[in-house]
Amino acid sequence: MLTSLPEGMKHGNTGLEILWIEECHSLTFIVKGQLPPSLKRLSALNCEKLQILFDDTEDISPHSSSMTQNAFINNTGTSALGRLYIDKCSSLTALSLKGQLPVSLAHLEIYDCLKLASIAERFVNNISLRYICVERCEILSSLPQGLCNLNGLRDFELQDCPNLVCFPEGGLPNTILSVRIVRCEKLRELPEGIHNLNCLQFLSITLCPSIKSFPVEGFPGNLGILCVCDNLEIYKTLKEWGIHKLTCLTMLSIGGCPDVVSFPEDEMGMMLPTSLIVLSVAKFPNLKYLSSRGFQDLASLKTLIINDCPQLSSVPEGLTSPILQLHILDCPLLKKQCTRDKGREWPKIADIPEVTLDFKFIYDSEEEEDISRKFIIRTL
C-alpha cells in the first residue's frame, strides 16, 4: 500500500523529469523533504486520501548533503519543478507544510480540491510563475500574499471558489495579460489597482454577484477583450463610467442583466467603443431593442453574436456595411423575423456574407454550418 513516494525514487532517479500519480487512494503525502532534483512536471489525479503534497518540514542545514540541498522548498532556486497539476484530490488541505511553493514553478493548476483552504501562505521569490488556474476549490478563502510581486505572471484564472472574499493586498502584478474570474459568489471587489494594469488584454468577470462595482478610475485603457456577464451592478457602473473610453477594445461580450430593455441604452447616452470588431450580446431576458444609434459608429464591427434574448425581434439599422458575420442563438422571435426571403428583418441582413440561426447557416451549406458552429463556441 503506497502512502508516500519511495525513498529510492528521491535519491536514485536523478534523471526523472515527469511524474504522474493517478488513483493512488492510500497516498497521504507524496514526499518528505525533497523531490528528485531533475523533476520538472508533477501531476496528481484522483488520489482520495492525499492530504499534503510535500512534507517539507525537514531542516536543511549548511552541512547537509547536496541531495538534501535540492529539497522542494529551497529558495536558492535549485529545484527544477516547473509544472504542478492537481485534480480531484478531495482530501487535500495544503500543498506544503511550510506554506510556500518552489521558486522554479512556472505553471500551477488546481482543480476539484474541496478541502484546500489555501494555495500557499505567501509567494516568496516565485519570479518564474507565469500561469495560475484554480477551479472548484469550495473552501478556498484566501490567495497568497505577494501575488502582486509575481512579475512573471501572465495568466490568472479563478473559477467556482464560492468562499473567496477578496484578493490580497496589492492585487495583481502589472505584467498580467489575462484575468478570468467565474462563479466566485462571495468575492466583493476586483483586484486593487486594476486600472493600472496597462499590460492587461483580456478580462472576464462572470457570475460574481457580490462585486458591486469597479474602481472609479475604471479599467485599463489598453484592454482588448472584455467579458461581463451576470453582473448587473458591474454593468451599471460600466455604463455610467463610459465604456466608450476603452478605445483599444476589439471584443466585448456583455449580458445577464434582467432589467435592460434597450442596448446600448439610448436614454443614458451609452456608447460603445468604435474599435469593436466582435460584439456578443447574451442573456438579456427583457431586451426588446438593439439601438440603431448605438451601432451607427461601429465602422470596424465584423461579427455580431446575439444569444438568449427571447424578447428581441429586430436587428438595428445599418448592419450590412461593416458586418461579415451575424450569429443568432436562442432568440425565437428574432429567428422568425430573420427567416430567409420571408422574415421582416431579412432585408436588413440579406447582404451579410455569413448568417447563422441556431448554428444553422442560412444558406444551408453543411461546411459553412460546421465552421460557424466552431467559431461561435470558441467566441462565447
Protein backbone atom coordinates (compact mmCIF):
# COMPACT_ATOMS: atom_id res chain seq x y z
CA MET A 1 0.00 0.00 0.00
CA LEU A 2 1.70 3.18 -1.21
CA THR A 3 1.49 6.03 1.32
CA SER A 4 4.34 8.22 0.05
CA LEU A 5 6.98 8.47 -2.65
CA PRO A 6 9.55 5.66 -2.23
CA GLU A 7 12.90 6.76 -0.82
CA GLY A 8 14.70 5.23 -3.77
CA MET A 9 12.82 7.47 -6.17
CA LYS A 10 14.08 10.57 -4.39
CA HIS A 11 17.71 9.53 -4.24
CA GLY A 12 18.16 7.20 -7.20
CA ASN A 13 16.17 8.69 -10.07
CA THR A 14 18.36 11.67 -10.82
CA GLY A 15 17.11 11.78 -14.43
CA LEU A 16 13.37 11.67 -13.62
CA GLU A 17 11.63 14.66 -15.25
CA ILE A 18 7.90 13.76 -15.30
CA LEU A 19 5.92 12.10 -12.51
CA TRP A 20 2.23 11.22 -12.99
CA ILE A 21 0.32 9.82 -10.00
CA GLU A 22 -3.28 8.72 -10.52
CA GLU A 23 -5.84 6.89 -8.33
CA CYS A 24 -3.40 6.08 -5.53
CA HIS A 25 -6.06 6.13 -2.87
CA SER A 26 -3.75 5.14 0.01
CA LEU A 27 -1.36 8.02 -0.66
CA THR A 28 -1.43 10.65 2.11
CA PHE A 29 1.59 12.71 1.05
CA ILE A 30 3.93 12.48 -1.91
CA VAL A 31 7.34 13.16 -0.49
CA LYS A 32 9.04 14.09 2.77
CA GLY A 33 11.74 16.68 2.46
CA GLN A 34 12.72 16.53 -1.17
CA LEU A 35 11.91 15.57 -4.73
CA PRO A 36 14.23 14.16 -7.35
CA PRO A 37 16.20 17.29 -8.29
CA SER A 38 15.62 16.69 -12.01
CA LEU A 39 11.80 16.56 -11.72
CA LYS A 40 10.15 19.16 -13.99
CA ARG A 41 6.47 18.10 -14.03
CA LEU A 42 4.32 16.60 -11.30
CA SER A 43 0.66 15.59 -11.69
CA ALA A 44 -1.61 14.09 -9.02
CA LEU A 45 -5.09 13.00 -10.08
CA ASN A 46 -7.92 11.39 -8.12
CA CYS A 47 -5.93 10.48 -5.02
CA GLU A 48 -8.70 10.38 -2.43
CA LYS A 49 -6.60 10.39 0.77
CA LEU A 50 -3.87 12.74 -0.34
CA GLN A 51 -3.72 15.47 2.33
CA ILE A 52 -0.40 17.19 1.68
CA LEU A 53 1.79 17.14 -1.39
CA PHE A 54 5.05 17.87 0.34
CA ASP A 55 6.08 17.38 3.94
CA ASP A 56 8.90 19.91 3.68
CA THR A 57 9.47 20.40 7.39
CA GLU A 58 12.85 18.67 7.43
CA ASP A 59 15.59 21.04 8.49
CA ILE A 60 18.10 21.98 5.81
CA SER A 61 21.39 22.79 7.46
CA PRO A 62 24.54 24.15 5.78
CA HIS A 63 26.20 20.78 6.44
CA SER A 64 23.52 18.66 4.75
CA SER A 65 24.21 16.66 1.61
CA SER A 66 23.91 18.08 -1.89
CA MET A 67 20.82 15.97 -2.48
CA THR A 68 19.14 17.47 0.60
CA GLN A 69 20.00 20.94 -0.65
CA ASN A 70 17.71 20.18 -3.58
CA ALA A 71 14.68 19.96 -1.29
CA PHE A 72 11.37 21.10 -2.70
CA ILE A 73 11.25 24.32 -0.72
CA ASN A 74 14.69 25.76 -1.32
CA ASN A 75 14.87 29.45 -2.07
CA THR A 76 18.30 29.09 -3.69
CA GLY A 77 16.40 28.08 -6.81
CA THR A 78 17.92 24.58 -7.28
CA SER A 79 14.51 22.93 -7.64
CA ALA A 80 13.66 22.04 -11.25
CA LEU A 81 9.89 21.63 -10.75
CA GLY A 82 8.23 23.89 -13.30
CA ARG A 83 4.71 22.48 -13.70
CA LEU A 84 2.31 21.29 -10.99
CA TYR A 85 -1.11 19.84 -11.84
CA ILE A 86 -3.56 18.69 -9.12
CA ASP A 87 -7.04 17.36 -9.89
CA LYS A 88 -9.76 15.65 -7.84
CA CYS A 89 -7.75 15.19 -4.66
CA SER A 90 -10.72 15.57 -2.34
CA SER A 91 -8.79 15.39 0.97
CA LEU A 92 -6.01 17.80 0.04
CA THR A 93 -5.62 20.54 2.65
CA ALA A 94 -2.23 22.02 1.73
CA LEU A 95 0.42 21.87 -0.97
CA SER A 96 3.29 22.08 1.52
CA LEU A 97 3.53 22.18 5.30
CA LYS A 98 5.72 25.29 5.17
CA GLY A 99 3.14 27.10 3.08
CA GLN A 100 5.47 28.01 0.23
CA LEU A 101 5.93 26.99 -3.40
CA PRO A 102 9.17 26.23 -5.25
CA VAL A 103 10.84 29.23 -6.85
CA SER A 104 11.18 27.27 -10.10
CA LEU A 105 7.41 26.78 -10.52
CA ALA A 106 6.08 28.33 -13.74
CA HIS A 107 2.69 26.66 -14.24
CA LEU A 108 0.19 25.88 -11.44
CA GLU A 109 -3.20 24.20 -11.98
CA ILE A 110 -5.51 23.06 -9.18
CA TYR A 111 -8.98 21.55 -9.78
CA ASP A 112 -11.65 19.95 -7.59
CA CYS A 113 -9.79 20.02 -4.28
CA LEU A 114 -12.75 20.52 -1.98
CA LYS A 115 -10.79 20.82 1.31
CA LEU A 116 -7.99 23.07 0.06
CA ALA A 117 -8.23 26.26 2.12
CA SER A 118 -5.05 27.91 0.89
CA ILE A 119 -2.67 27.53 -2.04
CA ALA A 120 0.24 28.89 -0.04
CA GLU A 121 0.78 31.33 2.79
CA ARG A 122 2.87 33.66 0.66
CA PHE A 123 4.60 33.80 -2.71
CA VAL A 124 8.32 34.12 -1.97
CA ASN A 125 10.68 34.78 -4.89
CA ASN A 126 8.32 32.97 -7.30
CA ILE A 127 9.51 35.04 -10.25
CA SER A 128 9.15 32.08 -12.65
CA LEU A 129 5.40 31.67 -12.11
CA ARG A 130 3.59 32.55 -15.34
CA TYR A 131 0.21 30.79 -15.13
CA ILE A 132 -2.17 30.14 -12.22
CA CYS A 133 -5.51 28.36 -12.58
CA VAL A 134 -7.64 27.42 -9.56
CA GLU A 135 -11.08 25.89 -10.13
CA ARG A 136 -13.72 24.25 -7.93
CA CYS A 137 -11.98 24.65 -4.58
CA GLU A 138 -15.02 25.20 -2.39
CA ILE A 139 -13.44 26.27 0.90
CA LEU A 140 -10.57 28.29 -0.54
CA SER A 141 -10.86 31.50 1.44
CA SER A 142 -7.72 33.42 0.52
CA LEU A 143 -4.99 33.82 -2.04
CA PRO A 144 -1.32 34.01 -1.07
CA GLN A 145 0.17 37.32 -0.07
CA GLY A 146 2.72 38.64 -2.51
CA LEU A 147 0.58 37.92 -5.57
CA CYS A 148 1.33 41.44 -6.78
CA ASN A 149 5.06 40.66 -6.79
CA LEU A 150 4.86 37.81 -9.32
CA ASN A 151 6.44 39.79 -12.12
CA GLY A 152 6.50 36.78 -14.42
CA LEU A 153 2.75 36.13 -14.11
CA ARG A 154 0.86 36.44 -17.39
CA ASP A 155 -2.42 34.50 -16.96
CA PHE A 156 -4.67 34.13 -13.91
CA GLU A 157 -7.89 32.07 -13.78
CA LEU A 158 -10.22 31.64 -10.82
CA GLN A 159 -13.46 29.67 -11.09
CA ASP A 160 -16.03 28.17 -8.70
CA CYS A 161 -14.36 29.28 -5.48
CA PRO A 162 -17.50 30.35 -3.56
CA ASN A 163 -15.78 31.25 -0.27
CA LEU A 164 -13.09 33.54 -1.62
CA VAL A 165 -13.83 37.06 -0.39
CA CYS A 166 -11.03 39.27 -1.69
CA PHE A 167 -7.71 39.49 -3.45
CA PRO A 168 -4.60 40.01 -1.32
CA GLU A 169 -3.15 43.46 -0.73
CA GLY A 170 -1.60 44.90 -3.86
CA GLY A 171 -3.82 42.94 -6.26
CA LEU A 172 -2.18 41.55 -9.39
CA PRO A 173 1.22 42.32 -10.91
CA ASN A 174 1.32 44.92 -13.67
CA THR A 175 2.72 42.30 -16.06
CA ILE A 176 -0.58 40.36 -16.17
CA LEU A 177 -2.09 39.82 -19.62
CA SER A 178 -5.24 37.79 -18.94
CA VAL A 179 -7.65 37.55 -15.97
CA ARG A 180 -10.71 35.28 -15.80
CA ILE A 181 -12.99 35.16 -12.74
CA VAL A 182 -16.09 32.91 -12.81
CA ARG A 183 -18.66 31.97 -10.15
CA CYS A 184 -16.93 33.33 -7.08
CA GLU A 185 -20.11 34.29 -5.22
CA LYS A 186 -18.55 35.99 -2.18
CA LEU A 187 -15.82 37.90 -3.98
CA ARG A 188 -16.54 41.51 -3.05
CA GLU A 189 -14.30 43.50 -5.35
CA LEU A 190 -11.92 43.40 -8.25
CA PRO A 191 -8.16 43.34 -7.62
CA GLU A 192 -6.75 46.52 -6.15
CA GLY A 193 -5.33 48.92 -8.74
CA ILE A 194 -6.80 47.09 -11.72
CA HIS A 195 -6.87 50.35 -13.68
CA ASN A 196 -3.07 50.43 -13.56
CA LEU A 197 -2.62 47.03 -15.24
CA ASN A 198 -1.51 48.52 -18.53
CA CYS A 199 -0.49 45.14 -19.99
CA LEU A 200 -3.93 43.60 -19.38
CA GLN A 201 -5.51 42.48 -22.66
CA PHE A 202 -8.26 40.06 -21.56
CA LEU A 203 -10.66 40.45 -18.63
CA SER A 204 -13.66 38.21 -17.97
CA ILE A 205 -15.96 38.53 -14.93
CA THR A 206 -18.93 36.16 -14.83
CA LEU A 207 -21.43 35.23 -12.10
CA CYS A 208 -19.78 37.13 -9.26
CA PRO A 209 -22.86 38.79 -7.71
CA SER A 210 -21.07 40.28 -4.68
CA ILE A 211 -18.91 42.51 -6.87
CA LYS A 212 -20.97 45.66 -6.82
CA SER A 213 -18.70 48.00 -8.76
CA PHE A 214 -15.23 48.61 -10.04
CA PRO A 215 -12.85 51.43 -9.04
CA VAL A 216 -13.81 54.94 -10.12
CA GLU A 217 -10.67 55.01 -12.27
CA GLY A 218 -12.24 52.31 -14.44
CA PHE A 219 -10.48 49.65 -16.46
CA PRO A 220 -7.01 49.90 -18.03
CA GLY A 221 -7.10 51.77 -21.32
CA ASN A 222 -5.22 49.10 -23.27
CA LEU A 223 -7.81 46.40 -22.58
CA GLY A 224 -8.58 44.49 -25.79
CA ILE A 225 -11.21 41.92 -24.72
CA LEU A 226 -13.84 42.39 -22.02
CA CYS A 227 -16.47 39.85 -20.93
CA VAL A 228 -19.01 40.91 -18.30
CA CYS A 229 -21.97 38.60 -17.77
CA ASP A 230 -24.48 38.09 -14.94
CA ASN A 231 -23.10 41.05 -13.00
CA LEU A 232 -25.84 43.67 -13.03
CA GLU A 233 -24.03 46.11 -10.76
CA ILE A 234 -20.84 45.99 -12.82
CA TYR A 235 -22.92 46.56 -15.94
CA LYS A 236 -24.49 49.64 -14.37
CA THR A 237 -21.22 51.14 -13.20
CA LEU A 238 -19.55 50.32 -16.51
CA LYS A 239 -22.35 52.15 -18.28
CA GLU A 240 -22.09 55.18 -16.01
CA TRP A 241 -18.30 55.30 -16.24
CA GLY A 242 -18.43 55.19 -20.02
CA ILE A 243 -17.47 52.00 -21.81
CA HIS A 244 -16.57 54.05 -24.90
CA LYS A 245 -13.42 55.14 -23.02
CA LEU A 246 -11.93 51.71 -23.77
CA THR A 247 -10.58 52.87 -27.12
CA CYS A 248 -8.49 49.71 -27.72
CA LEU A 249 -11.36 47.28 -27.07
CA THR A 250 -11.82 44.91 -30.03
CA MET A 251 -14.12 42.31 -28.44
CA LEU A 252 -16.97 42.87 -25.97
CA SER A 253 -19.17 40.13 -24.53
CA ILE A 254 -21.88 41.51 -22.27
CA GLY A 255 -25.13 40.27 -20.78
CA GLY A 256 -27.02 38.70 -17.93
CA CYS A 257 -28.89 41.89 -17.00
CA PRO A 258 -32.63 41.28 -16.49
CA ASP A 259 -33.83 44.91 -16.42
CA VAL A 260 -32.21 46.06 -19.68
CA VAL A 261 -34.76 46.77 -22.42
CA SER A 262 -32.59 48.59 -24.94
CA PHE A 263 -28.89 48.07 -25.73
CA PRO A 264 -26.95 50.27 -25.85
CA GLU A 265 -29.26 52.31 -23.65
CA ASP A 266 -30.30 55.43 -25.55
CA GLU A 267 -31.69 57.29 -22.58
CA MET A 268 -28.35 57.04 -20.77
CA GLY A 269 -26.36 58.10 -23.80
CA MET A 270 -24.44 54.84 -23.62
CA MET A 271 -21.98 54.47 -26.48
CA LEU A 272 -19.85 51.52 -27.47
CA PRO A 273 -16.14 51.74 -28.35
CA THR A 274 -15.71 52.41 -32.07
CA SER A 275 -12.78 49.98 -32.08
CA LEU A 276 -15.05 46.94 -31.62
CA ILE A 277 -14.59 44.07 -34.09
CA VAL A 278 -16.61 41.40 -32.25
CA LEU A 279 -19.70 42.07 -30.11
CA SER A 280 -21.63 39.41 -28.21
CA VAL A 281 -24.95 40.35 -26.56
CA ALA A 282 -26.23 37.50 -24.41
CA LYS A 283 -28.71 36.64 -21.65
CA PHE A 284 -30.84 39.78 -21.73
CA PRO A 285 -34.24 38.24 -20.90
CA ASN A 286 -36.17 41.52 -21.39
CA LEU A 287 -34.16 43.07 -24.19
CA LYS A 288 -36.51 44.35 -26.92
CA TYR A 289 -34.33 46.71 -28.94
CA LEU A 290 -30.83 46.97 -30.28
CA SER A 291 -30.34 50.69 -30.65
CA SER A 292 -29.51 51.78 -34.19
CA ARG A 293 -27.90 54.90 -32.77
CA GLY A 294 -25.61 52.77 -30.62
CA PHE A 295 -24.45 50.80 -33.65
CA GLN A 296 -24.10 53.62 -36.15
CA ASP A 297 -20.46 54.44 -35.33
CA LEU A 298 -19.21 50.84 -35.19
CA ALA A 299 -17.41 51.01 -38.51
CA SER A 300 -14.94 48.26 -37.50
CA LEU A 301 -17.55 45.73 -36.33
CA LYS A 302 -17.26 42.45 -38.26
CA THR A 303 -19.01 39.90 -36.06
CA LEU A 304 -22.24 40.27 -34.08
CA ILE A 305 -23.48 37.45 -31.82
CA ILE A 306 -26.95 37.64 -30.25
CA ASN A 307 -27.62 34.87 -27.75
CA ASP A 308 -30.56 34.07 -25.44
CA CYS A 309 -32.58 37.26 -25.87
CA PRO A 310 -36.13 35.85 -26.03
CA GLN A 311 -37.95 39.23 -26.31
CA LEU A 312 -35.79 40.62 -29.11
CA SER A 313 -37.48 40.69 -32.53
CA SER A 314 -35.38 43.08 -34.62
CA VAL A 315 -31.82 43.98 -35.55
CA PRO A 316 -30.54 47.56 -35.71
CA GLU A 317 -30.43 49.52 -38.94
CA GLY A 318 -27.19 49.87 -40.86
CA LEU A 319 -25.63 46.48 -40.13
CA THR A 320 -24.97 45.48 -43.72
CA SER A 321 -21.92 47.61 -44.46
CA PRO A 322 -19.41 46.52 -41.80
CA ILE A 323 -20.81 43.17 -40.60
CA LEU A 324 -19.39 39.98 -42.11
CA GLN A 325 -20.88 37.52 -39.62
CA LEU A 326 -24.19 37.51 -37.75
CA HIS A 327 -24.93 34.64 -35.37
CA ILE A 328 -28.31 34.37 -33.64
CA LEU A 329 -28.87 31.73 -30.94
CA ASP A 330 -31.89 31.02 -28.72
CA CYS A 331 -33.80 34.10 -29.85
CA PRO A 332 -37.08 32.62 -31.17
CA LEU A 333 -38.76 35.92 -32.13
CA LEU A 334 -35.70 37.26 -33.89
CA LYS A 335 -35.05 33.98 -35.62
CA LYS A 336 -38.54 34.04 -37.09
CA GLN A 337 -38.14 37.61 -38.36
CA CYS A 338 -34.76 36.77 -39.94
CA THR A 339 -36.04 33.85 -41.99
CA ARG A 340 -34.55 33.95 -45.47
CA ASP A 341 -36.70 35.84 -48.02
CA LYS A 342 -39.70 35.80 -45.65
CA GLY A 343 -38.88 37.47 -42.36
CA ARG A 344 -39.47 41.16 -41.70
CA GLU A 345 -35.80 41.68 -40.82
CA TRP A 346 -34.43 39.79 -43.82
CA PRO A 347 -33.81 42.91 -45.95
CA LYS A 348 -31.53 44.28 -43.20
CA ILE A 349 -29.30 41.20 -43.16
CA ALA A 350 -29.56 39.83 -46.70
CA ASP A 351 -26.18 41.20 -47.74
CA ILE A 352 -24.27 39.89 -44.72
CA PRO A 353 -21.97 37.13 -46.07
CA GLU A 354 -22.46 34.73 -43.17
CA VAL A 355 -25.66 34.47 -41.13
CA THR A 356 -26.49 31.57 -38.80
CA LEU A 357 -29.70 30.88 -36.91
CA ASP A 358 -29.20 28.45 -34.01
CA PHE A 359 -25.96 27.24 -35.60
CA LYS A 360 -27.60 26.62 -38.96
CA PHE A 361 -26.10 28.53 -41.84
CA ILE A 362 -28.90 30.40 -43.52
CA TYR A 363 -27.86 29.18 -46.98
CA ASP A 364 -27.85 25.55 -45.81
CA SER A 365 -24.21 24.78 -46.56
CA GLU A 366 -23.09 21.96 -44.26
CA GLU A 367 -19.45 23.01 -44.48
CA GLU A 368 -20.21 26.61 -43.53
CA GLU A 369 -22.52 25.46 -40.75
CA ASP A 370 -19.71 23.47 -39.17
CA ILE A 371 -17.29 26.40 -39.46
CA SER A 372 -19.71 28.85 -37.86
CA ARG A 373 -20.52 26.45 -35.01
CA LYS A 374 -16.84 26.16 -34.10
CA PHE A 375 -16.38 29.92 -34.26
CA ILE A 376 -19.36 30.71 -32.06
CA ILE A 377 -18.46 28.15 -29.40
CA ARG A 378 -14.89 29.43 -29.28
CA THR A 379 -16.02 33.06 -29.07
CA LEU A 380 -18.66 32.55 -26.37
